[in-house]
N, C-alpha and C. Protein backbone atom coordinates (compact mmCIF):
# COMPACT_ATOMS: atom_id res chain seq x y z
N UNK A 1 -4.80 30.34 -25.73
CA UNK A 1 -3.59 29.58 -25.96
C UNK A 1 -3.98 28.17 -26.38
N UNK A 2 -3.27 27.64 -27.36
CA UNK A 2 -3.47 26.28 -27.83
C UNK A 2 -2.21 25.47 -27.55
N UNK A 3 -2.35 24.40 -26.80
CA UNK A 3 -1.23 23.51 -26.47
C UNK A 3 -1.31 22.30 -27.39
N UNK A 4 -0.23 22.04 -28.14
CA UNK A 4 -0.24 20.96 -29.11
C UNK A 4 0.77 19.85 -28.81
N UNK A 5 1.59 20.04 -27.78
CA UNK A 5 2.56 18.99 -27.45
C UNK A 5 2.95 19.06 -25.98
N UNK A 6 3.45 17.96 -25.48
CA UNK A 6 3.99 17.88 -24.13
C UNK A 6 5.48 18.15 -24.26
N UNK A 7 5.99 19.12 -23.49
CA UNK A 7 7.39 19.51 -23.64
C UNK A 7 8.33 18.80 -22.68
N UNK A 8 7.79 17.99 -21.78
CA UNK A 8 8.61 17.26 -20.83
C UNK A 8 7.77 16.81 -19.65
N UNK A 9 8.44 16.33 -18.62
CA UNK A 9 7.76 15.91 -17.41
C UNK A 9 8.64 16.28 -16.22
N UNK A 10 8.03 16.74 -15.15
CA UNK A 10 8.79 17.19 -13.99
C UNK A 10 9.59 16.06 -13.33
N UNK A 11 9.27 14.81 -13.65
CA UNK A 11 10.04 13.68 -13.11
C UNK A 11 11.42 13.60 -13.75
N UNK A 12 11.56 14.15 -14.96
CA UNK A 12 12.84 14.04 -15.67
C UNK A 12 13.42 15.39 -16.08
N UNK A 13 12.63 16.46 -15.97
CA UNK A 13 13.08 17.79 -16.39
C UNK A 13 12.92 18.74 -15.21
N UNK A 14 13.98 19.47 -14.89
CA UNK A 14 13.88 20.48 -13.84
C UNK A 14 13.25 21.73 -14.41
N UNK A 15 12.25 22.25 -13.71
CA UNK A 15 11.65 23.51 -14.12
C UNK A 15 12.63 24.64 -13.80
N UNK A 16 12.56 25.74 -14.53
CA UNK A 16 13.48 26.85 -14.30
C UNK A 16 13.38 27.42 -12.88
N UNK A 17 14.24 28.38 -12.62
CA UNK A 17 14.37 28.98 -11.29
C UNK A 17 13.03 29.48 -10.75
N UNK A 18 13.04 29.80 -9.47
CA UNK A 18 11.81 30.17 -8.76
C UNK A 18 11.17 31.46 -9.25
N UNK A 19 11.84 32.23 -10.10
CA UNK A 19 11.22 33.45 -10.60
C UNK A 19 10.21 33.15 -11.71
N UNK A 20 10.12 31.90 -12.13
CA UNK A 20 9.12 31.52 -13.13
C UNK A 20 7.77 31.35 -12.45
N UNK A 21 6.73 31.62 -13.19
CA UNK A 21 5.36 31.44 -12.71
C UNK A 21 4.93 30.02 -13.11
N UNK A 22 4.63 29.18 -12.12
CA UNK A 22 4.22 27.80 -12.37
C UNK A 22 2.72 27.69 -12.14
N UNK A 23 1.98 27.29 -13.17
CA UNK A 23 0.54 27.09 -13.08
C UNK A 23 0.26 25.60 -13.30
N UNK A 24 -0.92 25.18 -12.92
CA UNK A 24 -1.30 23.78 -13.13
C UNK A 24 -2.66 23.71 -13.83
N UNK A 25 -2.88 22.58 -14.46
CA UNK A 25 -4.21 22.21 -14.96
C UNK A 25 -4.52 20.85 -14.34
N UNK A 26 -5.67 20.74 -13.69
CA UNK A 26 -6.06 19.49 -13.05
C UNK A 26 -6.84 18.61 -14.03
N UNK A 27 -6.47 17.34 -14.05
CA UNK A 27 -7.13 16.35 -14.91
C UNK A 27 -7.62 15.20 -14.04
N UNK A 28 -8.83 14.72 -14.33
CA UNK A 28 -9.30 13.51 -13.67
C UNK A 28 -8.99 12.32 -14.57
N UNK A 29 -9.42 11.13 -14.14
CA UNK A 29 -9.08 9.91 -14.87
C UNK A 29 -9.60 9.92 -16.30
N UNK A 30 -10.75 10.53 -16.54
CA UNK A 30 -11.30 10.56 -17.89
C UNK A 30 -10.67 11.66 -18.74
N UNK A 31 -10.53 12.86 -18.18
CA UNK A 31 -10.03 13.97 -18.99
C UNK A 31 -8.56 13.79 -19.37
N UNK A 32 -7.81 13.04 -18.61
CA UNK A 32 -6.39 12.85 -18.97
C UNK A 32 -6.22 11.96 -20.20
N UNK A 33 -7.30 11.32 -20.64
CA UNK A 33 -7.26 10.49 -21.85
C UNK A 33 -7.67 11.24 -23.11
N UNK A 34 -8.20 12.44 -22.96
CA UNK A 34 -8.71 13.20 -24.11
C UNK A 34 -7.60 14.01 -24.75
N UNK A 35 -7.40 13.79 -26.04
CA UNK A 35 -6.38 14.53 -26.79
C UNK A 35 -6.81 15.96 -27.08
N UNK A 36 -8.10 16.15 -27.29
CA UNK A 36 -8.63 17.46 -27.65
C UNK A 36 -9.64 17.87 -26.57
N UNK A 37 -9.36 19.01 -25.93
CA UNK A 37 -10.25 19.48 -24.88
C UNK A 37 -9.92 20.92 -24.50
N UNK A 38 -10.83 21.53 -23.78
CA UNK A 38 -10.59 22.83 -23.17
C UNK A 38 -10.34 22.59 -21.69
N UNK A 39 -9.43 23.38 -21.14
CA UNK A 39 -9.10 23.25 -19.72
C UNK A 39 -8.87 24.64 -19.15
N UNK A 40 -8.86 24.72 -17.83
CA UNK A 40 -8.64 25.99 -17.15
C UNK A 40 -7.44 25.84 -16.22
N UNK A 41 -6.50 26.78 -16.31
CA UNK A 41 -5.32 26.74 -15.45
C UNK A 41 -5.68 27.15 -14.03
N UNK A 42 -4.73 26.95 -13.13
CA UNK A 42 -4.94 27.31 -11.72
C UNK A 42 -5.12 28.81 -11.53
N UNK A 43 -4.77 29.61 -12.55
CA UNK A 43 -5.00 31.07 -12.46
C UNK A 43 -6.27 31.49 -13.18
N UNK A 44 -7.02 30.51 -13.71
CA UNK A 44 -8.30 30.81 -14.34
C UNK A 44 -8.26 31.04 -15.83
N UNK A 45 -7.10 30.87 -16.47
CA UNK A 45 -7.01 31.06 -17.92
C UNK A 45 -7.51 29.81 -18.64
N UNK A 46 -8.37 30.01 -19.63
CA UNK A 46 -8.85 28.89 -20.44
C UNK A 46 -7.83 28.62 -21.54
N UNK A 47 -7.46 27.35 -21.69
CA UNK A 47 -6.53 26.94 -22.74
C UNK A 47 -7.14 25.77 -23.50
N UNK A 48 -6.70 25.60 -24.73
CA UNK A 48 -7.12 24.47 -25.52
C UNK A 48 -5.99 23.47 -25.64
N UNK A 49 -6.33 22.20 -25.64
CA UNK A 49 -5.35 21.14 -25.89
C UNK A 49 -5.75 20.43 -27.16
N UNK A 50 -4.79 20.29 -28.05
CA UNK A 50 -4.98 19.51 -29.27
C UNK A 50 -3.69 18.72 -29.48
N UNK A 51 -3.64 17.55 -28.85
CA UNK A 51 -2.45 16.71 -28.91
C UNK A 51 -2.55 15.76 -30.10
N UNK A 52 -1.40 15.30 -30.58
CA UNK A 52 -1.37 14.43 -31.76
C UNK A 52 -2.01 13.08 -31.46
N UNK A 53 -2.33 12.34 -32.52
CA UNK A 53 -2.95 11.02 -32.38
C UNK A 53 -2.04 10.03 -31.65
N UNK A 54 -0.74 10.25 -31.70
CA UNK A 54 0.20 9.35 -31.04
C UNK A 54 0.16 9.49 -29.52
N UNK A 55 -0.35 10.60 -29.05
CA UNK A 55 -0.34 10.84 -27.61
C UNK A 55 -1.47 10.06 -26.95
N UNK A 56 -1.16 9.24 -25.94
CA UNK A 56 -2.14 8.34 -25.34
C UNK A 56 -2.83 8.92 -24.11
N UNK A 57 -2.08 9.59 -23.23
CA UNK A 57 -2.69 10.15 -22.03
C UNK A 57 -1.76 11.15 -21.37
N UNK A 58 -2.36 12.01 -20.57
CA UNK A 58 -1.60 13.00 -19.81
C UNK A 58 -1.13 12.33 -18.52
N UNK A 59 0.15 12.46 -18.24
CA UNK A 59 0.75 11.85 -17.05
C UNK A 59 0.93 12.91 -15.97
N UNK A 60 0.95 12.50 -14.71
CA UNK A 60 1.23 13.46 -13.64
C UNK A 60 2.58 14.14 -13.88
N UNK A 61 2.61 15.46 -13.81
CA UNK A 61 3.85 16.21 -13.99
C UNK A 61 4.18 16.57 -15.42
N UNK A 62 3.35 16.19 -16.39
CA UNK A 62 3.62 16.59 -17.78
C UNK A 62 3.67 18.11 -17.87
N UNK A 63 4.69 18.60 -18.56
CA UNK A 63 4.85 20.04 -18.77
C UNK A 63 4.17 20.37 -20.09
N UNK A 64 3.07 21.11 -19.99
CA UNK A 64 2.25 21.41 -21.16
C UNK A 64 2.72 22.68 -21.87
N UNK A 65 3.39 23.55 -21.15
CA UNK A 65 3.86 24.82 -21.71
C UNK A 65 5.03 25.29 -20.86
N UNK A 66 6.09 25.81 -21.53
CA UNK A 66 7.26 26.28 -20.79
C UNK A 66 8.00 27.31 -21.64
N UNK A 67 7.68 28.56 -21.42
CA UNK A 67 8.43 29.65 -22.06
C UNK A 67 7.99 30.99 -21.48
N UNK A 68 8.76 32.02 -21.78
CA UNK A 68 8.45 33.38 -21.35
C UNK A 68 8.23 33.50 -19.85
N UNK A 69 9.02 32.78 -19.06
CA UNK A 69 8.92 32.88 -17.60
C UNK A 69 7.69 32.21 -17.01
N UNK A 70 7.10 31.32 -17.76
CA UNK A 70 5.85 30.67 -17.33
C UNK A 70 5.86 29.20 -17.72
N UNK A 71 5.33 28.36 -16.83
CA UNK A 71 5.17 26.94 -17.14
C UNK A 71 3.78 26.50 -16.69
N UNK A 72 3.19 25.60 -17.47
CA UNK A 72 1.90 25.00 -17.11
C UNK A 72 2.14 23.49 -16.99
N UNK A 73 1.81 22.94 -15.82
CA UNK A 73 2.11 21.55 -15.51
C UNK A 73 0.81 20.80 -15.22
N UNK A 74 0.74 19.55 -15.71
CA UNK A 74 -0.44 18.70 -15.47
C UNK A 74 -0.45 18.21 -14.03
N UNK A 75 -1.59 18.39 -13.40
CA UNK A 75 -1.83 17.88 -12.05
C UNK A 75 -2.95 16.85 -12.17
N UNK A 76 -2.65 15.61 -11.89
CA UNK A 76 -3.65 14.55 -12.02
C UNK A 76 -4.31 14.32 -10.66
N UNK A 77 -5.63 14.40 -10.66
CA UNK A 77 -6.39 14.22 -9.42
C UNK A 77 -6.36 12.75 -8.99
N UNK A 78 -6.42 12.51 -7.70
CA UNK A 78 -6.48 11.14 -7.21
C UNK A 78 -7.75 10.43 -7.67
N UNK A 79 -7.65 9.11 -7.80
CA UNK A 79 -8.77 8.26 -8.19
C UNK A 79 -9.16 7.40 -6.99
N UNK A 80 -10.44 7.21 -6.79
CA UNK A 80 -10.95 6.34 -5.74
C UNK A 80 -10.69 4.89 -6.17
N UNK A 81 -9.85 4.18 -5.42
CA UNK A 81 -9.42 2.84 -5.84
C UNK A 81 -9.56 1.82 -4.71
N UNK A 82 -9.57 0.56 -5.12
CA UNK A 82 -9.43 -0.56 -4.21
C UNK A 82 -8.03 -1.13 -4.43
N UNK A 83 -7.27 -1.24 -3.35
CA UNK A 83 -5.92 -1.81 -3.41
C UNK A 83 -6.03 -3.22 -2.85
N UNK A 84 -5.87 -4.20 -3.74
CA UNK A 84 -6.10 -5.60 -3.40
C UNK A 84 -4.76 -6.27 -3.14
N UNK A 85 -4.65 -6.96 -2.00
CA UNK A 85 -3.40 -7.60 -1.59
C UNK A 85 -3.59 -9.10 -1.42
N UNK A 86 -3.63 -9.84 -2.54
CA UNK A 86 -3.81 -11.29 -2.43
C UNK A 86 -2.66 -11.93 -1.66
N UNK A 87 -2.98 -12.96 -0.89
CA UNK A 87 -1.97 -13.64 -0.08
C UNK A 87 -1.32 -14.81 -0.80
N UNK A 88 -1.88 -15.21 -1.94
CA UNK A 88 -1.34 -16.36 -2.66
C UNK A 88 -1.62 -16.19 -4.15
N UNK A 89 -0.98 -17.01 -4.95
CA UNK A 89 -1.23 -16.99 -6.39
C UNK A 89 -2.67 -17.41 -6.67
N UNK A 90 -3.20 -18.32 -5.88
CA UNK A 90 -4.59 -18.75 -6.04
C UNK A 90 -5.54 -17.57 -5.84
N UNK A 91 -5.34 -16.81 -4.76
CA UNK A 91 -6.20 -15.63 -4.52
C UNK A 91 -6.05 -14.61 -5.64
N UNK A 92 -4.81 -14.38 -6.08
CA UNK A 92 -4.56 -13.40 -7.14
C UNK A 92 -5.29 -13.79 -8.42
N UNK A 93 -5.18 -15.05 -8.81
CA UNK A 93 -5.82 -15.50 -10.05
C UNK A 93 -7.33 -15.53 -9.92
N UNK A 94 -7.83 -15.90 -8.76
CA UNK A 94 -9.27 -15.91 -8.54
C UNK A 94 -9.85 -14.49 -8.65
N UNK A 95 -9.18 -13.52 -8.03
CA UNK A 95 -9.64 -12.13 -8.12
C UNK A 95 -9.50 -11.62 -9.55
N UNK A 96 -8.38 -11.92 -10.19
CA UNK A 96 -8.17 -11.47 -11.58
C UNK A 96 -9.26 -12.02 -12.49
N UNK A 97 -9.64 -13.27 -12.29
CA UNK A 97 -10.71 -13.88 -13.08
C UNK A 97 -12.03 -13.13 -12.87
N UNK A 98 -12.35 -12.83 -11.62
CA UNK A 98 -13.60 -12.11 -11.31
C UNK A 98 -13.58 -10.70 -11.91
N UNK A 99 -12.44 -10.03 -11.85
CA UNK A 99 -12.33 -8.68 -12.44
C UNK A 99 -12.48 -8.75 -13.96
N UNK A 100 -11.88 -9.77 -14.56
CA UNK A 100 -11.99 -9.94 -16.00
C UNK A 100 -13.42 -10.18 -16.44
N UNK A 101 -14.17 -10.94 -15.65
CA UNK A 101 -15.59 -11.17 -15.97
C UNK A 101 -16.39 -9.88 -15.94
N UNK A 102 -15.93 -8.91 -15.17
CA UNK A 102 -16.61 -7.61 -15.09
C UNK A 102 -16.00 -6.60 -16.09
N UNK A 103 -15.02 -7.05 -16.86
CA UNK A 103 -14.33 -6.20 -17.83
C UNK A 103 -13.71 -4.97 -17.17
N UNK A 104 -13.15 -5.16 -15.97
CA UNK A 104 -12.50 -4.07 -15.25
C UNK A 104 -11.00 -4.13 -15.46
N UNK A 105 -10.42 -2.98 -15.68
CA UNK A 105 -8.97 -2.91 -15.83
C UNK A 105 -8.32 -2.89 -14.45
N UNK A 106 -7.24 -3.64 -14.31
CA UNK A 106 -6.46 -3.63 -13.07
C UNK A 106 -5.04 -3.19 -13.40
N UNK A 107 -4.40 -2.56 -12.44
CA UNK A 107 -3.00 -2.20 -12.56
C UNK A 107 -2.26 -2.95 -11.45
N UNK A 108 -1.04 -3.38 -11.74
CA UNK A 108 -0.29 -4.23 -10.82
C UNK A 108 1.00 -3.53 -10.40
N UNK A 109 1.29 -3.60 -9.09
CA UNK A 109 2.46 -2.90 -8.55
C UNK A 109 3.15 -3.77 -7.51
N UNK A 110 4.41 -3.41 -7.23
CA UNK A 110 5.20 -4.07 -6.20
C UNK A 110 5.76 -3.01 -5.25
N UNK A 111 6.46 -3.47 -4.23
CA UNK A 111 7.10 -2.55 -3.29
C UNK A 111 8.11 -1.66 -4.02
N UNK A 112 8.74 -2.19 -5.05
CA UNK A 112 9.70 -1.40 -5.83
C UNK A 112 9.04 -0.21 -6.52
N UNK A 113 7.73 -0.30 -6.74
CA UNK A 113 6.97 0.80 -7.35
C UNK A 113 6.47 1.78 -6.31
N UNK A 114 6.78 1.52 -5.03
CA UNK A 114 6.34 2.42 -3.97
C UNK A 114 5.04 2.00 -3.29
N UNK A 115 4.59 0.78 -3.54
CA UNK A 115 3.36 0.29 -2.93
C UNK A 115 3.71 -0.66 -1.79
N UNK A 116 2.73 -1.00 -0.98
CA UNK A 116 2.95 -1.91 0.14
C UNK A 116 2.87 -3.36 -0.33
N UNK A 117 3.94 -3.85 -0.91
CA UNK A 117 3.98 -5.22 -1.39
C UNK A 117 3.40 -5.37 -2.78
N UNK A 118 3.09 -6.61 -3.14
CA UNK A 118 2.52 -6.89 -4.45
C UNK A 118 1.02 -6.71 -4.38
N UNK A 119 0.51 -5.77 -5.19
CA UNK A 119 -0.91 -5.43 -5.14
C UNK A 119 -1.47 -5.30 -6.54
N UNK A 120 -2.79 -5.47 -6.64
CA UNK A 120 -3.51 -5.11 -7.85
C UNK A 120 -4.46 -3.99 -7.45
N UNK A 121 -4.59 -3.00 -8.34
CA UNK A 121 -5.38 -1.81 -8.04
C UNK A 121 -6.46 -1.66 -9.10
N UNK A 122 -7.69 -1.46 -8.66
CA UNK A 122 -8.81 -1.23 -9.57
C UNK A 122 -9.55 0.02 -9.12
N UNK A 123 -10.22 0.65 -10.08
CA UNK A 123 -11.07 1.78 -9.73
C UNK A 123 -12.17 1.26 -8.79
N UNK A 124 -12.53 2.07 -7.80
CA UNK A 124 -13.52 1.63 -6.82
C UNK A 124 -14.83 1.23 -7.50
N UNK A 125 -15.35 0.10 -7.07
CA UNK A 125 -16.63 -0.40 -7.53
C UNK A 125 -17.23 -1.17 -6.35
N UNK A 126 -18.45 -0.82 -5.96
CA UNK A 126 -19.05 -1.45 -4.78
C UNK A 126 -19.26 -2.95 -4.97
N UNK A 127 -19.47 -3.41 -6.21
CA UNK A 127 -19.65 -4.85 -6.41
C UNK A 127 -18.33 -5.60 -6.24
N UNK A 128 -17.22 -4.96 -6.63
CA UNK A 128 -15.90 -5.58 -6.41
C UNK A 128 -15.62 -5.62 -4.92
N UNK A 129 -15.92 -4.54 -4.22
CA UNK A 129 -15.72 -4.52 -2.77
C UNK A 129 -16.51 -5.64 -2.11
N UNK A 130 -17.76 -5.82 -2.49
CA UNK A 130 -18.59 -6.89 -1.92
C UNK A 130 -18.00 -8.26 -2.22
N UNK A 131 -17.51 -8.45 -3.45
CA UNK A 131 -16.91 -9.73 -3.82
C UNK A 131 -15.67 -10.00 -2.97
N UNK A 132 -14.81 -8.99 -2.82
CA UNK A 132 -13.59 -9.18 -2.03
C UNK A 132 -13.91 -9.50 -0.57
N UNK A 133 -14.92 -8.84 -0.03
CA UNK A 133 -15.35 -9.15 1.34
C UNK A 133 -15.87 -10.58 1.42
N UNK A 134 -16.64 -11.00 0.42
CA UNK A 134 -17.22 -12.35 0.40
C UNK A 134 -16.14 -13.43 0.34
N UNK A 135 -15.14 -13.23 -0.51
CA UNK A 135 -14.08 -14.24 -0.66
C UNK A 135 -12.92 -14.01 0.31
N UNK A 136 -13.03 -12.98 1.13
CA UNK A 136 -12.07 -12.67 2.20
C UNK A 136 -10.65 -12.45 1.70
N UNK A 137 -10.54 -11.69 0.61
CA UNK A 137 -9.22 -11.29 0.11
C UNK A 137 -8.94 -9.90 0.67
N UNK A 138 -7.76 -9.69 1.27
CA UNK A 138 -7.46 -8.40 1.88
C UNK A 138 -7.44 -7.27 0.84
N UNK A 139 -8.01 -6.13 1.23
CA UNK A 139 -8.01 -4.95 0.37
C UNK A 139 -8.19 -3.71 1.23
N UNK A 140 -7.83 -2.58 0.67
CA UNK A 140 -8.11 -1.29 1.29
C UNK A 140 -8.67 -0.37 0.21
N UNK A 141 -9.45 0.59 0.66
CA UNK A 141 -9.96 1.61 -0.25
C UNK A 141 -9.17 2.89 0.02
N UNK A 142 -8.73 3.54 -1.06
CA UNK A 142 -7.91 4.74 -0.90
C UNK A 142 -8.11 5.65 -2.11
N UNK A 143 -7.54 6.80 -2.04
CA UNK A 143 -7.56 7.76 -3.13
C UNK A 143 -6.11 7.95 -3.57
N UNK A 144 -5.79 7.57 -4.81
CA UNK A 144 -4.40 7.58 -5.29
C UNK A 144 -4.31 8.26 -6.66
N UNK A 145 -3.19 8.95 -6.87
CA UNK A 145 -2.86 9.44 -8.21
C UNK A 145 -2.24 8.25 -8.93
N UNK A 146 -2.91 7.78 -9.95
CA UNK A 146 -2.45 6.58 -10.65
C UNK A 146 -1.47 6.96 -11.76
N UNK A 147 -0.43 6.14 -11.96
CA UNK A 147 0.54 6.43 -13.02
C UNK A 147 -0.09 6.34 -14.41
N UNK A 148 -1.13 5.53 -14.54
CA UNK A 148 -1.86 5.43 -15.80
C UNK A 148 -3.35 5.52 -15.50
N UNK A 149 -4.08 6.07 -16.45
CA UNK A 149 -5.53 6.19 -16.28
C UNK A 149 -6.19 4.82 -16.45
N UNK A 150 -7.30 4.62 -15.76
CA UNK A 150 -8.11 3.44 -16.00
C UNK A 150 -8.95 3.70 -17.24
N UNK A 151 -8.92 2.78 -18.17
CA UNK A 151 -9.66 2.93 -19.42
C UNK A 151 -10.89 2.03 -19.41
N UNK A 152 -11.88 2.45 -20.17
CA UNK A 152 -13.06 1.61 -20.36
C UNK A 152 -12.67 0.43 -21.24
N UNK A 153 -13.07 -0.76 -20.84
CA UNK A 153 -12.75 -1.96 -21.61
C UNK A 153 -13.93 -2.28 -22.53
N UNK A 154 -13.73 -2.06 -23.82
CA UNK A 154 -14.77 -2.38 -24.80
C UNK A 154 -14.85 -3.89 -24.96
N UNK A 155 -16.06 -4.39 -25.16
CA UNK A 155 -16.20 -5.82 -25.41
C UNK A 155 -17.54 -6.09 -26.10
N UNK A 156 -17.58 -7.21 -26.79
CA UNK A 156 -18.82 -7.69 -27.38
C UNK A 156 -18.89 -9.19 -27.17
N UNK A 157 -20.09 -9.72 -27.21
CA UNK A 157 -20.26 -11.17 -27.07
C UNK A 157 -21.01 -11.70 -28.26
């Protein structure tokens, strides 16, 4: 089977009645960014993905296939992250500056997004953890399904 488009997302589209067979394909942070790849469903079937150039990434709950009493849904694996909770604008900017020097992508969330207050989230990195401990900025390490994948930040000097 070749999947060429995303037909919806479970956050906005109800899947058909319970008599449908629902399968999943698991994606990690890197594979969810690949437009062209081979994957294996939860029942062991190998499928191909060839998404258009406009497609940026696979989101949790994306419906990859839905017909003939069967649906295949994207399951995004949790990412090992540091959840940073700066206590002031000074701490936030200081940490953001240090992350920028390392060319690390951060994602920002609030309580309205379902997080514990205003936080910045980065993929786990032991050097970032050491820095946060050194500058005494509160953080926790956790495993989270991120709404967007962390991308590699290209740079030249």
